[in-house]
Amino acid sequence: MTKEERIRTYSNLDLCDHESGLTLDVYGFPDPDVLDKMGFFTMPASTKYHGAYEGGLFDHSLAVMQELVNLTEMLCLEWERETSPYIIGLFHDICKCDSYYLDADGKWQYRKDIIIPGHGDKSVIMLQRMMDLTEEEITCIRWHMGAYETDTKMWDYYGRAIEKYPNVLYTHTADMIASKIRGI
């Protein structure tokens, strides 16, 4: 997919009420131009794992959204807000918009001059500057890494997050389906 096709795909997402014709801006989603300037449609999802190519971040995010919507429908998951699986899936990794750069050899590298480190926390911070999030959405995005949380001292917090918001676990599952099974 080209950058233009990714922007068009994002702009034409069919959210929840298929008959309404409601658009992303009605639901308060970030403007595609803002996301484009951030690199959402061109950055990779990683430098050496899933989505390690130009545009991989959007492709991975779209796949996570699709899987989270599928899990919601198959398992009759309940959310605080109907659009939560879309928001969480699409923007769980928005922190990666400023995480990488192309080196002189054309390879993606991790930036070492980042001011705000982190993954889930940073995605929440960045997304809250663009839209209002429910506590459930914040929690799902913060803990979407699941058992890949490198600081084992944080696992108790992760467990409590799942107990309060079971969709945290399904968010991680959707991310794993997209990255490990679908390879995006």
C-alpha atoms as a PDB file:
ATOM      1  CA  MET A   1       0.000   0.000   0.000  1.00  0.00           C
ATOM      2  CA  THR A   2       1.206   3.506  -0.721  1.00  0.00           C
ATOM      3  CA  LYS A   3       1.034   6.339   1.789  1.00  0.00           C
ATOM      4  CA  GLU A   4      -1.929   7.781  -0.103  1.00  0.00           C
ATOM      5  CA  GLU A   5      -3.737   4.426   0.019  1.00  0.00           C
ATOM      6  CA  ARG A   6      -3.101   4.202   3.759  1.00  0.00           C
ATOM      7  CA  ILE A   7      -4.514   7.680   4.316  1.00  0.00           C
ATOM      8  CA  ARG A   8      -7.543   6.795   2.187  1.00  0.00           C
ATOM      9  CA  THR A   9      -8.029   3.533   4.118  1.00  0.00           C
ATOM     10  CA  TYR A  10      -7.921   5.414   7.422  1.00  0.00           C
ATOM     11  CA  SER A  11     -10.246   8.150   6.169  1.00  0.00           C
ATOM     12  CA  ASN A  12     -12.788   5.599   4.921  1.00  0.00           C
ATOM     13  CA  LEU A  13     -12.892   3.340   7.986  1.00  0.00           C
ATOM     14  CA  ASP A  14     -16.353   1.929   8.588  1.00  0.00           C
ATOM     15  CA  LEU A  15     -16.975   2.471  12.289  1.00  0.00           C
ATOM     16  CA  CYS A  16     -19.656   0.659  14.279  1.00  0.00           C
ATOM     17  CA  ASP A  17     -22.933   1.930  12.790  1.00  0.00           C
ATOM     18  CA  HIS A  18     -22.594   0.909   9.168  1.00  0.00           C
ATOM     19  CA  GLU A  19     -25.825   2.615   8.101  1.00  0.00           C
ATOM     20  CA  SER A  20     -25.147   6.037   9.623  1.00  0.00           C
ATOM     21  CA  GLY A  21     -22.416   7.205   7.282  1.00  0.00           C
ATOM     22  CA  LEU A  22     -20.731   8.871  10.260  1.00  0.00           C
ATOM     23  CA  THR A  23     -17.146   9.883   9.627  1.00  0.00           C
ATOM     24  CA  LEU A  24     -14.033   9.707  11.790  1.00  0.00           C
ATOM     25  CA  ASP A  25     -14.261  13.359  12.802  1.00  0.00           C
ATOM     26  CA  VAL A  26     -17.789  12.815  14.147  1.00  0.00           C
ATOM     27  CA  TYR A  27     -16.302  10.232  16.506  1.00  0.00           C
ATOM     28  CA  GLY A  28     -13.438  12.569  17.459  1.00  0.00           C
ATOM     29  CA  PHE A  29     -10.676  10.588  15.760  1.00  0.00           C
ATOM     30  CA  PRO A  30      -7.471  12.445  14.871  1.00  0.00           C
ATOM     31  CA  ASP A  31      -7.400  14.221  11.525  1.00  0.00           C
ATOM     32  CA  PRO A  32      -5.495  12.259   8.850  1.00  0.00           C
ATOM     33  CA  ASP A  33      -3.394  15.337   8.021  1.00  0.00           C
ATOM     34  CA  VAL A  34      -2.194  15.536  11.625  1.00  0.00           C
ATOM     35  CA  LEU A  35      -1.379  11.823  11.642  1.00  0.00           C
ATOM     36  CA  ASP A  36       0.413  12.159   8.299  1.00  0.00           C
ATOM     37  CA  LYS A  37       2.641  14.960   9.638  1.00  0.00           C
ATOM     38  CA  MET A  38       3.484  12.732  12.617  1.00  0.00           C
ATOM     39  CA  GLY A  39       4.536   9.879  10.311  1.00  0.00           C
ATOM     40  CA  PHE A  40       1.683   7.511  11.216  1.00  0.00           C
ATOM     41  CA  PHE A  41       1.313   6.380   7.587  1.00  0.00           C
ATOM     42  CA  THR A  42       5.038   6.072   6.783  1.00  0.00           C
ATOM     43  CA  MET A  43       6.891   4.902   9.912  1.00  0.00           C
ATOM     44  CA  PRO A  44       7.674   1.216  10.442  1.00  0.00           C
ATOM     45  CA  ALA A  45       6.139  -0.722  13.325  1.00  0.00           C
ATOM     46  CA  SER A  46       9.642  -1.846  14.347  1.00  0.00           C
ATOM     47  CA  THR A  47      13.174  -1.943  12.980  1.00  0.00           C
ATOM     48  CA  LYS A  48      13.558  -5.731  12.835  1.00  0.00           C
ATOM     49  CA  TYR A  49      10.331  -7.480  13.844  1.00  0.00           C
ATOM     50  CA  HIS A  50       6.740  -7.073  12.624  1.00  0.00           C
ATOM     51  CA  GLY A  51       6.002  -4.278  10.182  1.00  0.00           C
ATOM     52  CA  ALA A  52       9.669  -3.383   9.730  1.00  0.00           C
ATOM     53  CA  TYR A  53       9.058  -1.461   6.519  1.00  0.00           C
ATOM     54  CA  GLU A  54       7.827   1.963   5.443  1.00  0.00           C
ATOM     55  CA  GLY A  55       4.145   2.196   6.388  1.00  0.00           C
ATOM     56  CA  GLY A  56       4.370  -0.817   8.689  1.00  0.00           C
ATOM     57  CA  LEU A  57       3.101   1.171  11.677  1.00  0.00           C
ATOM     58  CA  PHE A  58      -0.234   1.892  10.007  1.00  0.00           C
ATOM     59  CA  ASP A  59      -0.495  -1.606   8.542  1.00  0.00           C
ATOM     60  CA  HIS A  60       0.147  -3.164  11.968  1.00  0.00           C
ATOM     61  CA  SER A  61      -2.223  -0.762  13.721  1.00  0.00           C
ATOM     62  CA  LEU A  62      -4.972  -1.487  11.204  1.00  0.00           C
ATOM     63  CA  ALA A  63      -4.456  -5.247  11.671  1.00  0.00           C
ATOM     64  CA  VAL A  64      -4.651  -4.897  15.484  1.00  0.00           C
ATOM     65  CA  MET A  65      -7.846  -2.867  15.099  1.00  0.00           C
ATOM     66  CA  GLN A  66      -9.337  -5.537  12.832  1.00  0.00           C
ATOM     67  CA  GLU A  67      -8.418  -8.314  15.255  1.00  0.00           C
ATOM     68  CA  LEU A  68      -9.758  -6.411  18.261  1.00  0.00           C
ATOM     69  CA  VAL A  69     -13.040  -5.766  16.426  1.00  0.00           C
ATOM     70  CA  ASN A  70     -13.165  -9.482  15.483  1.00  0.00           C
ATOM     71  CA  LEU A  71     -12.582 -10.536  19.099  1.00  0.00           C
ATOM     72  CA  THR A  72     -15.230  -8.060  20.247  1.00  0.00           C
ATOM     73  CA  GLU A  73     -17.786  -9.528  17.856  1.00  0.00           C
ATOM     74  CA  MET A  74     -16.880 -13.205  18.443  1.00  0.00           C
ATOM     75  CA  LEU A  75     -16.690 -12.981  22.225  1.00  0.00           C
ATOM     76  CA  CYS A  76     -19.388 -10.309  22.721  1.00  0.00           C
ATOM     77  CA  LEU A  77     -16.910  -8.082  24.535  1.00  0.00           C
ATOM     78  CA  GLU A  78     -18.393  -5.024  26.189  1.00  0.00           C
ATOM     79  CA  TRP A  79     -16.642  -1.670  26.088  1.00  0.00           C
ATOM     80  CA  GLU A  80     -17.247   1.651  27.846  1.00  0.00           C
ATOM     81  CA  ARG A  81     -17.555   3.207  24.398  1.00  0.00           C
ATOM     82  CA  GLU A  82     -18.572   1.550  21.140  1.00  0.00           C
ATOM     83  CA  THR A  83     -15.576   2.886  19.219  1.00  0.00           C
ATOM     84  CA  SER A  84     -12.985   1.729  21.779  1.00  0.00           C
ATOM     85  CA  PRO A  85     -11.735  -1.295  19.777  1.00  0.00           C
ATOM     86  CA  TYR A  86     -11.106   1.030  16.838  1.00  0.00           C
ATOM     87  CA  ILE A  87      -9.350   3.689  18.923  1.00  0.00           C
ATOM     88  CA  ILE A  88      -7.218   1.229  20.879  1.00  0.00           C
ATOM     89  CA  GLY A  89      -6.307  -0.913  17.887  1.00  0.00           C
ATOM     90  CA  LEU A  90      -5.381   1.992  15.647  1.00  0.00           C
ATOM     91  CA  PHE A  91      -3.453   4.054  18.174  1.00  0.00           C
ATOM     92  CA  HIS A  92      -1.901   1.625  20.679  1.00  0.00           C
ATOM     93  CA  ASP A  93       1.538   2.166  19.052  1.00  0.00           C
ATOM     94  CA  ILE A  94       1.254   5.842  18.093  1.00  0.00           C
ATOM     95  CA  CYS A  95       4.396   6.434  20.159  1.00  0.00           C
ATOM     96  CA  LYS A  96       6.341   4.914  17.272  1.00  0.00           C
ATOM     97  CA  CYS A  97       5.657   7.959  15.087  1.00  0.00           C
ATOM     98  CA  ASP A  98       8.835   9.567  16.408  1.00  0.00           C
ATOM     99  CA  SER A  99      10.820   6.457  17.325  1.00  0.00           C
ATOM    100  CA  TYR A 100      12.645   5.694  14.068  1.00  0.00           C
ATOM    101  CA  TYR A 101      14.652   7.272  11.260  1.00  0.00           C
ATOM    102  CA  LEU A 102      16.195   6.070   8.008  1.00  0.00           C
ATOM    103  CA  ASP A 103      19.993   5.968   8.138  1.00  0.00           C
ATOM    104  CA  ALA A 104      22.324   6.715   5.222  1.00  0.00           C
ATOM    105  CA  ASP A 105      22.062   3.075   4.100  1.00  0.00           C
ATOM    106  CA  GLY A 106      18.273   3.224   3.978  1.00  0.00           C
ATOM    107  CA  LYS A 107      17.795   1.100   7.110  1.00  0.00           C
ATOM    108  CA  TRP A 108      15.376   1.986   9.880  1.00  0.00           C
ATOM    109  CA  GLN A 109      17.117   2.816  13.155  1.00  0.00           C
ATOM    110  CA  TYR A 110      15.804   3.568  16.636  1.00  0.00           C
ATOM    111  CA  ARG A 111      16.194   7.216  17.594  1.00  0.00           C
ATOM    112  CA  LYS A 112      18.355   7.838  20.644  1.00  0.00           C
ATOM    113  CA  ASP A 113      17.409  11.502  21.060  1.00  0.00           C
ATOM    114  CA  ILE A 114      13.814  10.939  22.154  1.00  0.00           C
ATOM    115  CA  ILE A 115      12.665  13.148  25.022  1.00  0.00           C
ATOM    116  CA  ILE A 116       9.792  11.011  26.329  1.00  0.00           C
ATOM    117  CA  PRO A 117      10.701   7.308  26.486  1.00  0.00           C
ATOM    118  CA  GLY A 118       8.265   4.490  26.861  1.00  0.00           C
ATOM    119  CA  HIS A 119       5.736   2.632  24.848  1.00  0.00           C
ATOM    120  CA  GLY A 120       2.230   2.276  26.246  1.00  0.00           C
ATOM    121  CA  ASP A 121       2.607   5.324  28.497  1.00  0.00           C
ATOM    122  CA  LYS A 122       3.954   7.436  25.653  1.00  0.00           C
ATOM    123  CA  SER A 123       1.168   6.334  23.293  1.00  0.00           C
ATOM    124  CA  VAL A 124      -1.416   7.408  25.877  1.00  0.00           C
ATOM    125  CA  ILE A 125       0.287  10.784  26.342  1.00  0.00           C
ATOM    126  CA  MET A 126       0.476  11.435  22.608  1.00  0.00           C
ATOM    127  CA  LEU A 127      -3.081  10.309  21.891  1.00  0.00           C
ATOM    128  CA  GLN A 128      -4.596  12.321  24.740  1.00  0.00           C
ATOM    129  CA  ARG A 129      -3.276  15.450  23.048  1.00  0.00           C
ATOM    130  CA  MET A 130      -5.497  14.605  20.064  1.00  0.00           C
ATOM    131  CA  MET A 131      -8.642  13.078  21.558  1.00  0.00           C
ATOM    132  CA  ASP A 132     -10.412  12.270  24.803  1.00  0.00           C
ATOM    133  CA  LEU A 133      -9.910   8.730  26.072  1.00  0.00           C
ATOM    134  CA  THR A 134     -11.903   6.675  28.534  1.00  0.00           C
ATOM    135  CA  GLU A 135     -10.110   5.104  31.489  1.00  0.00           C
ATOM    136  CA  GLU A 136     -10.589   1.722  29.834  1.00  0.00           C
ATOM    137  CA  GLU A 137      -8.935   2.946  26.610  1.00  0.00           C
ATOM    138  CA  ILE A 138      -6.035   4.443  28.565  1.00  0.00           C
ATOM    139  CA  THR A 139      -5.567   1.195  30.462  1.00  0.00           C
ATOM    140  CA  CYS A 140      -5.764  -1.008  27.349  1.00  0.00           C
ATOM    141  CA  ILE A 141      -3.230   1.122  25.480  1.00  0.00           C
ATOM    142  CA  ARG A 142      -0.902   1.386  28.485  1.00  0.00           C
ATOM    143  CA  TRP A 143      -0.859  -2.377  29.063  1.00  0.00           C
ATOM    144  CA  HIS A 144      -1.138  -3.674  25.479  1.00  0.00           C
ATOM    145  CA  MET A 145       2.372  -5.171  25.702  1.00  0.00           C
ATOM    146  CA  GLY A 146       1.099  -7.740  28.197  1.00  0.00           C
ATOM    147  CA  ALA A 147       3.759 -10.227  29.279  1.00  0.00           C
ATOM    148  CA  TYR A 148       6.256  -8.420  27.031  1.00  0.00           C
ATOM    149  CA  GLU A 149       6.410  -5.733  29.732  1.00  0.00           C
ATOM    150  CA  THR A 150      10.148  -5.884  30.436  1.00  0.00           C
ATOM    151  CA  ASP A 151       9.994  -4.658  34.025  1.00  0.00           C
ATOM    152  CA  THR A 152       8.656  -7.639  35.959  1.00  0.00           C
ATOM    153  CA  LYS A 153       7.877  -5.323  38.898  1.00  0.00           C
ATOM    154  CA  MET A 154       5.057  -3.983  36.723  1.00  0.00           C
ATOM    155  CA  TRP A 155       3.313  -7.349  36.284  1.00  0.00           C
ATOM    156  CA  ASP A 156       1.207  -6.869  39.416  1.00  0.00           C
ATOM    157  CA  TYR A 157      -0.127  -3.635  37.923  1.00  0.00           C
ATOM    158  CA  TYR A 158      -0.826  -5.457  34.671  1.00  0.00           C
ATOM    159  CA  GLY A 159      -2.751  -8.141  36.552  1.00  0.00           C
ATOM    160  CA  ARG A 160      -4.854  -5.529  38.344  1.00  0.00           C
ATOM    161  CA  ALA A 161      -5.499  -3.786  35.029  1.00  0.00           C
ATOM    162  CA  ILE A 162      -6.888  -7.030  33.569  1.00  0.00           C
ATOM    163  CA  GLU A 163      -9.039  -7.605  36.647  1.00  0.00           C
ATOM    164  CA  LYS A 164     -10.578  -4.133  36.339  1.00  0.00           C
ATOM    165  CA  TYR A 165     -10.708  -4.076  32.534  1.00  0.00           C
ATOM    166  CA  PRO A 166     -10.658  -7.583  30.998  1.00  0.00           C
ATOM    167  CA  ASN A 167     -10.356  -5.992  27.546  1.00  0.00           C
ATOM    168  CA  VAL A 168      -6.715  -5.252  28.405  1.00  0.00           C
ATOM    169  CA  LEU A 169      -6.034  -8.954  27.849  1.00  0.00           C
ATOM    170  CA  TYR A 170      -7.939  -8.978  24.557  1.00  0.00           C
ATOM    171  CA  THR A 171      -6.012  -5.906  23.393  1.00  0.00           C
ATOM    172  CA  HIS A 172      -2.748  -7.754  23.976  1.00  0.00           C
ATOM    173  CA  THR A 173      -4.199 -10.825  22.244  1.00  0.00           C
ATOM    174  CA  ALA A 174      -5.210  -8.774  19.180  1.00  0.00           C
ATOM    175  CA  ASP A 175      -1.697  -7.299  19.055  1.00  0.00           C
ATOM    176  CA  MET A 176      -0.178 -10.796  19.197  1.00  0.00           C
ATOM    177  CA  ILE A 177      -2.516 -12.141  16.506  1.00  0.00           C
ATOM    178  CA  ALA A 178      -1.560  -9.247  14.218  1.00  0.00           C
ATOM    179  CA  SER A 179       2.186  -9.424  14.850  1.00  0.00           C
ATOM    180  CA  LYS A 180       2.874 -13.114  15.499  1.00  0.00           C
ATOM    181  CA  ILE A 181       0.216 -14.898  13.427  1.00  0.00           C
ATOM    182  CA  ARG A 182      -0.482 -12.445  10.620  1.00  0.00           C
ATOM    183  CA  GLY A 183       3.102 -11.151  10.666  1.00  0.00           C
ATOM    184  CA  ILE A 184       2.141  -7.493  10.453  1.00  0.00           C
END
